[in-house]
Amino acid sequence: MRRHYVLIIFLCLLAFQGINAQDKAGRLSESKPNIIVILADDLGYKDVGFTGSKEIFTPNLDKLANNGVIFKNGYVTHPFCGPSRAGLVTGRYQARFGLEINLTNSPFDMYNGLPKTEQTFAKRLQKSGYKTGIIGKWHLGGSYGFHPNRRGFDYFYGFVSGGHNYFPELTEKYRPLIGKKGDPLYAANEGTKQPLTRNDKLAEFDEYLTTALSKDAARFIKGSKDQPFCLYLAYNAPHKPLEAPEDVIAKYKHIKDPNRRTYAAMIDVMDQGIGTVVDALKKTGKLENTLIFFLSDNGGHRPDKKGYTFADNGPFKEGKGSMHEGGSHVPFILHWPGGNLKTGEFDGLVSALDIAATAVALGKGDTSGKPLDGKNLIPYLTGEKSGSPHDALFWRIETNKAFAVRTEQAKFLLENWGKDPNPKLYDMEKDPYESTDLSNKAKKTRAELAKLWNDWNKGNKANIFLQAGKYQKTRLELYKKLYEDLVKEAEKKKTLIVE
């Protein structure tokens, strides 16, 4: 009988420990939410439903937006790919560490990548017990030391280059140009046609790329089990080349232009993939406690010389590469059912920098090292804090070529094209689409914004890298010179004479 009581007490203790363990796991899950950052590539502001598109269908994104927070003044830190991604993943303005260009995928260059002085948000969360992953486009260095697996990501599936073809079959529709056509340096040497990789090994690529990335993201979620995870899902859609499945293109017969029709289909497939990700969260019971950020790395392609573009940046001026709103004002949402957020539209100034700051704050990540420039958005979205997370946001292109500073009230900028050397000033409350330059009228405001920008820029570094095209050309010329020097050296050597 005594043994019987001892056994019952032992079983009760085990059960109590199990309940405690479950309770602890539950509290850990609540205190450390899962985080997913979904990044589109070259997406036009008005090319999703929640920003006003009536011709491109994005039901999954729209549902996330309508049940989450839409940042009406959401920005990235740079108007084109590489620098924007550097700011996003570090939570620091890329001007702090001199990276203002698109890095080339250079497998043997141990210096050409996101500086190792900087921590990614994944590295900060990894130290806090998160399982971290990146799926898709990296574009922040191609050599061993800059590989995602060595920058805080436990898992990687995708490509390290700045772009990739969408179908497994190699395509000639898009090739990075080195020099002019016919020039011996004309070549595709960025890596857009190389195989995908999973961590450090070659990986399968047997279906439309956007779909493959989405399915892998779902697998990552399902494989995370009870460990909190941080997933950076970096699509290359709808970046060129314009390629999409024919059956999806057929859905967009109402769009007359064939290029925009394909572009719309690329966005459609991305939206379907986001639906796959959300389904995986639902099936694993993780949706409630998962923050989902969605944004684009920059604006859509601006009109060319003929005024044509396949992207629609909506009411905003210009597009990718510009200091005007079309360059960096992007579709930007946050969805977190368990966060008790005030859903709807949020008007304060929000930056891609805030993603790292929010993730690190909620995930109790490492805050050592270089300080983050972003703000934890959650107190502003729960009502704990009021006003705008930022008093001002800043932009810079290659140190001295262009600049912009924006407050809630005004924006002061110098465009990047060199046609007009005069800065422009706009009233962002009355004229958010930048139609009337006030630089010669509101001189006090101009001086105030100039001071803000100069104070911000004092501690920044000049750009220290070569833009991709120039880098690629320099690299090929380096190989040529090396060969020519070796030939000259060989010619000086005496011929061996055997007696």
Protein backbone atom coordinates (compact mmCIF):
# COMPACT_ATOMS: atom_id res chain seq x y z
CA MET A 1 0.00 0.00 0.00
CA ARG A 2 2.83 2.37 0.93
CA ARG A 3 4.50 1.72 -2.41
CA HIS A 4 1.20 2.52 -4.08
CA TYR A 5 1.03 5.95 -2.37
CA VAL A 6 4.66 6.66 -3.25
CA LEU A 7 3.93 5.83 -6.89
CA ILE A 8 0.89 8.13 -6.93
CA ILE A 9 2.93 10.98 -5.39
CA PHE A 10 5.70 10.40 -7.94
CA LEU A 11 3.24 10.47 -10.84
CA CYS A 12 1.65 13.65 -9.46
CA LEU A 13 5.06 15.31 -9.25
CA LEU A 14 5.78 14.32 -12.84
CA ALA A 15 2.42 15.69 -13.95
CA PHE A 16 3.02 18.91 -12.02
CA GLN A 17 6.44 19.30 -13.62
CA GLY A 18 4.85 18.66 -17.02
CA ILE A 19 2.20 21.33 -16.37
CA ASN A 20 4.94 23.72 -15.23
CA ALA A 21 6.95 22.95 -18.36
CA GLN A 22 3.93 23.55 -20.57
CA ASP A 23 3.14 26.75 -18.70
CA LYS A 24 6.76 27.88 -19.03
CA ALA A 25 6.75 27.08 -22.76
CA GLY A 26 3.49 28.97 -23.15
CA ARG A 27 4.84 32.00 -21.32
CA LEU A 28 8.07 31.82 -23.34
CA SER A 29 6.04 31.74 -26.56
CA GLU A 30 4.02 34.75 -25.40
CA SER A 31 7.11 36.73 -24.39
CA LYS A 32 9.00 35.83 -27.55
CA PRO A 33 6.72 36.00 -30.57
CA ASN A 34 7.68 34.59 -33.94
CA ILE A 35 8.74 37.17 -36.50
CA ILE A 36 8.40 37.03 -40.28
CA VAL A 37 9.73 39.80 -42.52
CA ILE A 38 8.39 39.51 -46.08
CA LEU A 39 10.18 41.73 -48.58
CA ALA A 40 9.04 42.30 -52.16
CA ASP A 41 11.51 43.56 -54.78
CA ASP A 42 10.81 46.67 -56.91
CA LEU A 43 7.09 46.63 -56.09
CA GLY A 44 5.14 49.69 -57.23
CA TYR A 45 3.31 51.47 -54.40
CA LYS A 46 -0.11 51.11 -56.00
CA ASP A 47 0.33 47.54 -57.22
CA VAL A 48 -1.38 45.78 -54.30
CA GLY A 49 -5.01 45.90 -53.28
CA PHE A 50 -4.57 47.57 -49.90
CA THR A 51 -2.89 50.59 -51.51
CA GLY A 52 -5.58 50.96 -54.16
CA SER A 53 -4.90 48.63 -57.08
CA LYS A 54 -8.04 47.56 -58.93
CA GLU A 55 -6.28 45.50 -61.60
CA ILE A 56 -3.77 43.36 -59.66
CA PHE A 57 -5.26 40.81 -57.24
CA THR A 58 -3.63 40.39 -53.81
CA PRO A 59 -6.31 38.89 -51.52
CA ASN A 60 -3.86 37.36 -49.04
CA LEU A 61 -1.91 40.57 -48.52
CA ASP A 62 -5.12 42.56 -48.35
CA LYS A 63 -6.44 40.31 -45.59
CA LEU A 64 -3.25 40.77 -43.57
CA ALA A 65 -3.44 44.53 -44.11
CA ASN A 66 -7.12 44.83 -43.26
CA ASN A 67 -6.61 42.87 -40.04
CA GLY A 68 -3.36 44.60 -39.18
CA VAL A 69 -1.73 48.01 -39.38
CA ILE A 70 -1.15 49.86 -42.65
CA PHE A 71 1.71 52.35 -42.38
CA LYS A 72 0.61 55.26 -44.56
CA ASN A 73 4.04 56.84 -44.24
CA GLY A 74 6.22 53.75 -44.37
CA TYR A 75 9.70 54.13 -45.88
CA VAL A 76 12.85 52.20 -46.65
CA THR A 77 16.29 53.74 -46.14
CA HIS A 78 17.38 53.83 -49.79
CA PRO A 79 15.67 53.91 -53.18
CA PHE A 80 17.36 50.81 -54.59
CA CYS A 81 18.03 47.20 -53.60
CA GLY A 82 21.35 46.61 -51.85
CA PRO A 83 21.62 49.61 -49.51
CA SER A 84 17.93 49.31 -48.62
CA ARG A 85 18.47 45.69 -47.56
CA ALA A 86 21.58 46.62 -45.59
CA GLY A 87 19.56 49.15 -43.59
CA LEU A 88 16.70 46.72 -43.05
CA VAL A 89 18.72 43.73 -41.80
CA THR A 90 20.98 45.78 -39.50
CA GLY A 91 18.43 48.29 -38.23
CA ARG A 92 21.03 50.99 -38.92
CA TYR A 93 21.28 53.56 -41.68
CA GLN A 94 23.67 52.07 -44.23
CA ALA A 95 25.45 55.44 -44.39
CA ARG A 96 26.72 54.63 -40.89
CA PHE A 97 28.98 51.98 -42.43
CA GLY A 98 29.50 53.27 -45.97
CA LEU A 99 27.40 50.83 -48.02
CA GLU A 100 25.47 52.84 -50.61
CA ILE A 101 25.66 50.69 -53.72
CA ASN A 102 24.50 47.31 -55.04
CA LEU A 103 27.15 44.78 -54.07
CA THR A 104 28.19 42.23 -56.68
CA ASN A 105 28.18 38.52 -55.94
CA SER A 106 31.93 37.93 -55.79
CA PRO A 107 32.70 34.51 -54.25
CA PHE A 108 36.42 35.13 -53.70
CA ASP A 109 36.37 38.73 -52.49
CA MET A 110 36.61 38.65 -48.71
CA TYR A 111 35.96 42.41 -48.39
CA ASN A 112 32.99 43.02 -50.68
CA GLY A 113 29.99 42.53 -48.38
CA LEU A 114 27.96 43.79 -45.45
CA PRO A 115 30.71 45.00 -43.06
CA LYS A 116 31.39 42.64 -40.20
CA THR A 117 31.21 45.53 -37.78
CA GLU A 118 27.42 45.25 -38.18
CA GLN A 119 25.02 42.71 -36.65
CA THR A 120 21.89 41.58 -38.45
CA PHE A 121 18.61 41.39 -36.54
CA ALA A 122 18.87 37.62 -37.03
CA LYS A 123 22.20 37.53 -35.18
CA ARG A 124 20.76 39.56 -32.32
CA LEU A 125 17.78 37.19 -32.05
CA GLN A 126 19.89 34.08 -32.53
CA LYS A 127 21.64 34.95 -29.27
CA SER A 128 18.23 35.04 -27.60
CA GLY A 129 17.32 31.48 -28.59
CA TYR A 130 15.55 32.10 -31.89
CA LYS A 131 15.75 29.77 -34.85
CA THR A 132 16.63 32.10 -37.72
CA GLY A 133 16.25 31.71 -41.47
CA ILE A 134 16.46 33.62 -44.72
CA ILE A 135 14.74 32.40 -47.86
CA GLY A 136 15.24 34.15 -51.19
CA LYS A 137 17.51 37.03 -52.14
CA TRP A 138 20.54 38.01 -50.03
CA HIS A 139 22.50 40.60 -52.10
CA LEU A 140 24.86 41.55 -49.25
CA GLY A 141 28.03 39.71 -50.23
CA GLY A 142 28.82 36.42 -51.96
CA SER A 143 32.02 35.18 -50.34
CA TYR A 144 32.33 32.78 -47.41
CA GLY A 145 32.50 35.37 -44.64
CA PHE A 146 29.45 37.25 -45.86
CA HIS A 147 27.23 34.22 -46.47
CA PRO A 148 23.90 34.39 -44.58
CA ASN A 149 24.86 31.33 -42.49
CA ARG A 150 27.71 33.40 -41.06
CA ARG A 151 25.64 36.55 -40.53
CA GLY A 152 23.17 35.20 -38.02
CA PHE A 153 20.94 32.95 -40.12
CA ASP A 154 20.78 29.29 -39.12
CA TYR A 155 19.13 28.40 -42.41
CA PHE A 156 19.38 29.71 -45.96
CA TYR A 157 17.63 28.72 -49.17
CA GLY A 158 17.93 31.00 -52.17
CA PHE A 159 20.63 32.98 -53.95
CA VAL A 160 23.29 35.45 -52.82
CA SER A 161 23.29 37.52 -56.03
CA GLY A 162 21.20 40.60 -56.77
CA GLY A 163 18.79 38.81 -59.09
CA HIS A 164 17.80 35.44 -60.51
CA ASN A 165 15.83 33.91 -63.35
CA TYR A 166 12.40 32.58 -62.31
CA PHE A 167 12.23 29.32 -64.22
CA PRO A 168 14.68 26.42 -63.87
CA GLU A 169 15.51 26.70 -67.55
CA LEU A 170 18.21 29.28 -68.15
CA THR A 171 16.90 32.46 -69.76
CA GLU A 172 18.44 35.03 -72.04
CA LYS A 173 15.76 37.63 -71.35
CA TYR A 174 17.80 39.38 -68.67
CA ARG A 175 21.54 39.72 -68.44
CA PRO A 176 23.50 42.24 -66.35
CA LEU A 177 25.53 44.30 -68.81
CA ILE A 178 29.24 44.96 -68.50
CA GLY A 179 30.28 47.64 -70.95
CA LYS A 180 28.47 48.05 -74.27
CA LYS A 181 27.08 45.27 -76.40
CA GLY A 182 29.90 43.93 -78.54
CA ASP A 183 32.49 44.97 -75.96
CA PRO A 184 34.69 42.04 -74.83
CA LEU A 185 33.61 42.85 -71.27
CA TYR A 186 29.92 42.35 -72.10
CA ALA A 187 29.01 39.41 -69.88
CA ALA A 188 26.66 38.08 -67.25
CA ASN A 189 28.91 37.63 -64.24
CA GLU A 190 26.62 38.47 -61.33
CA GLY A 191 25.23 34.98 -60.76
CA THR A 192 21.64 35.31 -61.93
CA LYS A 193 21.76 31.91 -63.60
CA GLN A 194 23.65 29.99 -60.95
CA PRO A 195 21.93 27.16 -59.04
CA LEU A 196 20.12 27.94 -55.82
CA THR A 197 21.78 26.92 -52.59
CA ARG A 198 20.56 25.50 -49.31
CA ASN A 199 23.00 26.64 -46.68
CA ASP A 200 26.39 25.83 -48.27
CA LYS A 201 25.19 23.17 -50.71
CA LEU A 202 23.49 23.19 -54.08
CA ALA A 203 19.71 22.96 -53.81
CA GLU A 204 16.85 21.82 -56.01
CA PHE A 205 15.15 24.37 -58.26
CA ASP A 206 12.45 22.61 -60.26
CA GLU A 207 9.50 25.01 -60.33
CA TYR A 208 8.69 28.70 -60.61
CA LEU A 209 11.07 30.44 -58.21
CA THR A 210 8.53 32.47 -56.21
CA THR A 211 6.50 29.33 -55.56
CA ALA A 212 9.62 27.39 -54.53
CA LEU A 213 10.57 30.09 -52.03
CA SER A 214 7.05 30.18 -50.56
CA LYS A 215 6.91 26.41 -50.11
CA ASP A 216 10.29 26.39 -48.42
CA ALA A 217 9.12 29.13 -46.06
CA ALA A 218 6.13 26.96 -45.10
CA ARG A 219 8.48 24.04 -44.42
CA PHE A 220 10.67 26.24 -42.24
CA ILE A 221 7.64 27.28 -40.16
CA LYS A 222 6.44 23.71 -39.73
CA GLY A 223 9.93 22.58 -38.75
CA SER A 224 10.41 25.21 -36.06
CA LYS A 225 8.26 23.24 -33.57
CA ASP A 226 8.18 25.03 -30.17
CA GLN A 227 11.25 27.18 -30.72
CA PRO A 228 10.55 30.86 -31.47
CA PHE A 229 11.64 31.67 -35.00
CA CYS A 230 12.59 34.66 -37.12
CA LEU A 231 12.17 34.23 -40.87
CA TYR A 232 13.30 36.76 -43.49
CA LEU A 233 11.41 35.87 -46.68
CA ALA A 234 13.06 38.02 -49.36
CA TYR A 235 11.28 37.51 -52.66
CA ASN A 236 12.90 38.78 -55.85
CA ALA A 237 9.41 39.27 -57.31
CA PRO A 238 8.42 41.39 -59.13
CA HIS A 239 12.01 42.41 -60.06
CA LYS A 240 13.09 41.79 -63.67
CA PRO A 241 13.28 39.57 -65.65
CA LEU A 242 9.55 39.76 -66.28
CA GLU A 243 8.67 36.05 -66.15
CA ALA A 244 5.54 34.35 -64.85
CA PRO A 245 3.52 31.15 -65.37
CA GLU A 246 1.33 31.38 -68.48
CA ASP A 247 -1.84 30.36 -66.63
CA VAL A 248 -1.41 33.24 -64.18
CA ILE A 249 -0.63 35.72 -66.96
CA ALA A 250 -3.92 34.64 -68.54
CA LYS A 251 -5.79 35.98 -65.48
CA TYR A 252 -4.70 39.48 -66.45
CA LYS A 253 -6.14 39.79 -69.95
CA HIS A 254 -7.78 43.01 -68.79
CA ILE A 255 -4.31 44.62 -68.75
CA LYS A 256 -3.43 45.64 -72.30
CA ASP A 257 0.32 46.06 -71.96
CA PRO A 258 2.05 42.64 -72.09
CA ASN A 259 4.89 43.70 -69.78
CA ARG A 260 2.56 44.97 -67.09
CA ARG A 261 0.42 41.86 -67.56
CA THR A 262 3.41 39.63 -66.74
CA TYR A 263 4.45 41.94 -63.89
CA ALA A 264 0.92 41.63 -62.44
CA ALA A 265 1.12 37.84 -62.64
CA MET A 266 4.44 37.90 -60.75
CA ILE A 267 2.78 39.83 -57.92
CA ASP A 268 -0.17 37.44 -58.01
CA VAL A 269 2.09 34.40 -57.52
CA MET A 270 3.88 36.17 -54.67
CA ASP A 271 0.52 36.83 -53.02
CA GLN A 272 -0.43 33.17 -53.44
CA GLY A 273 2.88 32.26 -51.78
CA ILE A 274 2.13 34.55 -48.84
CA GLY A 275 -1.15 32.67 -48.53
CA THR A 276 0.87 29.43 -48.31
CA VAL A 277 2.94 30.93 -45.50
CA VAL A 278 -0.16 32.07 -43.58
CA ASP A 279 -1.71 28.60 -44.00
CA ALA A 280 1.42 27.05 -42.48
CA LEU A 281 1.11 29.39 -39.50
CA LYS A 282 -2.54 28.45 -39.06
CA LYS A 283 -1.89 24.71 -39.28
CA THR A 284 0.87 24.90 -36.68
CA GLY A 285 -1.13 27.17 -34.36
CA LYS A 286 1.46 29.94 -34.67
CA LEU A 287 -0.49 32.67 -36.47
CA GLU A 288 -1.76 34.35 -33.30
CA ASN A 289 1.72 34.94 -31.91
CA THR A 290 3.55 35.80 -35.13
CA LEU A 291 4.43 39.31 -36.26
CA ILE A 292 4.31 39.55 -40.04
CA PHE A 293 5.92 42.57 -41.65
CA PHE A 294 5.43 43.15 -45.36
CA LEU A 295 7.10 45.86 -47.43
CA SER A 296 9.03 46.46 -50.65
CA ASP A 297 12.76 47.18 -50.80
CA ASN A 298 12.12 50.33 -52.83
CA GLY A 299 9.62 51.80 -55.26
CA GLY A 300 8.69 50.34 -58.62
CA HIS A 301 10.56 51.19 -61.80
CA ARG A 302 10.16 54.85 -62.70
CA PRO A 303 9.02 55.89 -66.19
CA ASP A 304 11.67 55.58 -68.89
CA LYS A 305 12.52 58.25 -71.48
CA LYS A 306 9.29 57.50 -73.33
CA GLY A 307 7.24 57.82 -70.16
CA TYR A 308 6.55 54.08 -69.98
CA THR A 309 6.78 51.90 -66.91
CA PHE A 310 5.23 48.54 -66.04
CA ALA A 311 5.03 49.48 -62.34
CA ASP A 312 2.56 51.91 -60.79
CA ASN A 313 3.84 54.04 -57.92
CA GLY A 314 0.39 55.52 -57.49
CA PRO A 315 0.21 59.17 -56.61
CA PHE A 316 3.89 59.43 -55.75
CA LYS A 317 6.50 61.17 -57.87
CA GLU A 318 9.21 59.19 -59.70
CA GLY A 319 10.23 55.67 -58.59
CA LYS A 320 13.15 53.36 -57.95
CA GLY A 321 16.42 55.28 -57.56
CA SER A 322 14.78 58.64 -56.86
CA MET A 323 14.89 60.88 -53.80
CA HIS A 324 11.25 61.75 -54.46
CA GLU A 325 8.51 59.78 -52.70
CA GLY A 326 8.24 57.14 -55.42
CA GLY A 327 11.74 55.91 -54.60
CA SER A 328 11.38 55.00 -50.94
CA HIS A 329 7.73 55.40 -49.89
CA VAL A 330 6.57 51.77 -50.02
CA PRO A 331 3.60 49.52 -49.21
CA PHE A 332 4.26 48.60 -45.58
CA ILE A 333 2.12 46.64 -43.10
CA LEU A 334 2.34 44.82 -39.76
CA HIS A 335 0.03 41.96 -38.77
CA TRP A 336 0.05 40.50 -35.26
CA PRO A 337 -3.25 39.07 -33.96
CA GLY A 338 -1.90 38.47 -30.47
CA GLY A 339 -0.34 41.89 -30.10
CA ASN A 340 -3.48 43.83 -29.10
CA LEU A 341 -2.64 46.45 -31.71
CA LYS A 342 -4.94 49.23 -32.79
CA THR A 343 -5.55 48.01 -36.30
CA GLY A 344 -6.15 50.32 -39.24
CA GLU A 345 -4.05 53.08 -40.75
CA PHE A 346 -1.11 54.63 -38.93
CA ASP A 347 0.11 58.05 -40.10
CA GLY A 348 3.39 58.48 -38.19
CA LEU A 349 6.78 58.24 -39.90
CA VAL A 350 7.84 54.58 -39.99
CA SER A 351 11.08 53.16 -41.38
CA ALA A 352 12.37 49.73 -42.35
CA LEU A 353 14.89 50.41 -39.57
CA ASP A 354 12.06 49.87 -37.10
CA ILE A 355 11.71 46.20 -38.01
CA ALA A 356 15.01 45.28 -36.34
CA ALA A 357 14.32 47.49 -33.33
CA THR A 358 10.84 46.01 -32.85
CA ALA A 359 12.03 42.42 -33.31
CA VAL A 360 14.95 42.80 -30.90
CA ALA A 361 12.76 44.46 -28.26
CA LEU A 362 10.02 41.82 -28.40
CA GLY A 363 12.44 38.90 -28.78
CA LYS A 364 14.74 40.13 -26.01
CA GLY A 365 17.57 40.07 -28.51
CA ASP A 366 21.15 41.22 -28.06
CA THR A 367 21.42 45.02 -27.84
CA SER A 368 25.20 45.20 -27.59
CA GLY A 369 27.41 46.66 -30.29
CA LYS A 370 26.44 49.49 -32.61
CA PRO A 371 23.20 51.25 -31.59
CA LEU A 372 20.05 50.68 -33.64
CA ASP A 373 18.57 53.65 -35.49
CA GLY A 374 15.04 52.25 -35.53
CA LYS A 375 12.26 52.43 -32.95
CA ASN A 376 10.16 49.72 -31.33
CA LEU A 377 6.81 50.31 -33.05
CA ILE A 378 4.62 48.32 -30.68
CA PRO A 379 4.08 51.03 -28.01
CA TYR A 380 2.87 53.37 -30.77
CA LEU A 381 0.48 50.75 -32.09
CA THR A 382 -1.01 49.75 -28.75
CA GLY A 383 -1.62 53.35 -27.66
CA GLU A 384 1.04 53.31 -24.96
CA LYS A 385 2.86 56.06 -26.88
CA SER A 386 1.39 58.72 -29.14
CA GLY A 387 2.75 60.68 -32.07
CA SER A 388 5.28 59.66 -34.69
CA PRO A 389 8.04 57.12 -33.99
CA HIS A 390 10.47 59.40 -35.85
CA ASP A 391 10.78 63.18 -35.90
CA ALA A 392 12.74 62.90 -39.15
CA LEU A 393 13.95 60.31 -41.66
CA PHE A 394 17.07 60.61 -43.82
CA TRP A 395 18.39 59.37 -47.18
CA ARG A 396 21.74 59.61 -48.95
CA ILE A 397 23.03 58.27 -52.27
CA GLU A 398 26.75 57.56 -52.65
CA THR A 399 27.85 60.23 -50.18
CA ASN A 400 27.53 63.40 -52.26
CA LYS A 401 25.23 62.66 -55.20
CA ALA A 402 21.83 63.14 -53.58
CA PHE A 403 20.09 63.58 -50.25
CA ALA A 404 16.68 63.82 -48.61
CA VAL A 405 15.30 64.58 -45.17
CA ARG A 406 11.65 64.28 -44.21
CA THR A 407 9.72 65.40 -41.16
CA GLU A 408 5.97 65.03 -40.74
CA GLN A 409 5.56 68.55 -42.06
CA ALA A 410 8.14 68.95 -44.84
CA LYS A 411 10.69 67.29 -47.12
CA PHE A 412 13.96 68.74 -48.44
CA LEU A 413 15.82 66.88 -51.19
CA LEU A 414 18.33 66.94 -54.01
CA GLU A 415 17.53 64.56 -56.84
CA ASN A 416 19.96 61.97 -58.13
CA TRP A 417 19.82 62.59 -61.86
CA GLY A 418 22.07 65.65 -62.06
CA LYS A 419 19.72 67.56 -64.37
CA ASP A 420 18.81 70.16 -61.76
CA PRO A 421 21.48 71.02 -59.16
CA ASN A 422 18.97 72.91 -57.02
CA PRO A 423 17.44 71.24 -53.95
CA LYS A 424 13.66 71.13 -53.59
CA LEU A 425 11.42 71.72 -50.59
CA TYR A 426 7.87 70.41 -50.22
CA ASP A 427 5.05 70.84 -47.73
CA MET A 428 4.21 67.20 -46.94
CA GLU A 429 0.98 68.05 -45.13
CA LYS A 430 -0.59 70.03 -47.97
CA ASP A 431 1.43 68.61 -50.87
CA PRO A 432 2.41 64.97 -50.14
CA TYR A 433 2.87 64.26 -53.85
CA GLU A 434 5.61 66.91 -54.24
CA SER A 435 4.09 69.12 -56.89
CA THR A 436 5.16 72.60 -55.68
CA ASP A 437 8.74 73.53 -54.78
CA LEU A 438 8.89 75.98 -51.84
CA SER A 439 12.68 76.16 -51.48
CA ASN A 440 12.81 79.87 -52.37
CA LYS A 441 9.77 80.78 -50.28
CA ALA A 442 10.02 78.83 -47.02
CA LYS A 443 13.67 79.59 -46.30
CA LYS A 444 13.36 79.09 -42.54
CA THR A 445 11.98 75.57 -43.02
CA ARG A 446 14.68 74.85 -45.59
CA ALA A 447 17.40 75.92 -43.12
CA GLU A 448 15.87 73.82 -40.34
CA LEU A 449 15.77 70.68 -42.50
CA ALA A 450 19.28 71.30 -43.80
CA LYS A 451 20.54 71.45 -40.22
CA LEU A 452 18.72 68.24 -39.34
CA TRP A 453 20.36 66.45 -42.27
CA ASN A 454 23.84 67.86 -41.60
CA ASP A 455 23.67 66.89 -37.92
CA TRP A 456 22.59 63.36 -38.89
CA ASN A 457 25.32 63.05 -41.52
CA LYS A 458 28.23 64.14 -39.29
CA GLY A 459 28.96 60.68 -37.97
CA ASN A 460 28.38 58.80 -41.23
CA LYS A 461 30.99 57.20 -43.49
CA ALA A 462 31.60 57.91 -47.14
CA ASN A 463 30.65 55.06 -49.47
CA ILE A 464 33.54 52.58 -49.65
CA PHE A 465 32.28 50.11 -52.29
CA LEU A 466 31.99 50.02 -56.08
CA GLN A 467 28.58 49.91 -57.75
CA ALA A 468 27.94 46.46 -59.22
CA GLY A 469 28.50 47.30 -62.89
CA LYS A 470 31.73 49.20 -62.24
CA TYR A 471 32.92 46.51 -59.87
CA GLN A 472 32.29 43.78 -62.42
CA LYS A 473 34.14 45.70 -65.12
CA THR A 474 37.07 46.42 -62.78
CA ARG A 475 37.21 42.76 -61.77
CA LEU A 476 37.38 41.57 -65.38
CA GLU A 477 40.03 44.17 -66.18
CA LEU A 478 41.98 42.94 -63.15
CA TYR A 479 42.00 39.41 -64.52
CA LYS A 480 43.13 40.74 -67.92
CA LYS A 481 45.96 42.78 -66.40
CA LEU A 482 47.06 39.85 -64.25
CA TYR A 483 47.29 37.65 -67.33
CA GLU A 484 49.18 40.28 -69.33
CA ASP A 485 51.65 40.78 -66.48
CA LEU A 486 52.20 37.03 -66.24
CA VAL A 487 52.82 36.84 -70.00
CA LYS A 488 55.45 39.61 -69.77
CA GLU A 489 57.06 37.87 -66.83
CA ALA A 490 57.16 34.59 -68.71
CA GLU A 491 58.81 36.29 -71.72
CA LYS A 492 61.66 37.47 -69.50
CA LYS A 493 62.49 33.99 -68.30
CA LYS A 494 65.42 32.24 -69.94
CA THR A 495 64.77 29.13 -71.96
CA LEU A 496 66.00 25.95 -70.37
CA ILE A 497 68.93 24.45 -72.31
CA VAL A 498 69.68 20.80 -71.75
CA GLU A 499 73.20 19.52 -72.48
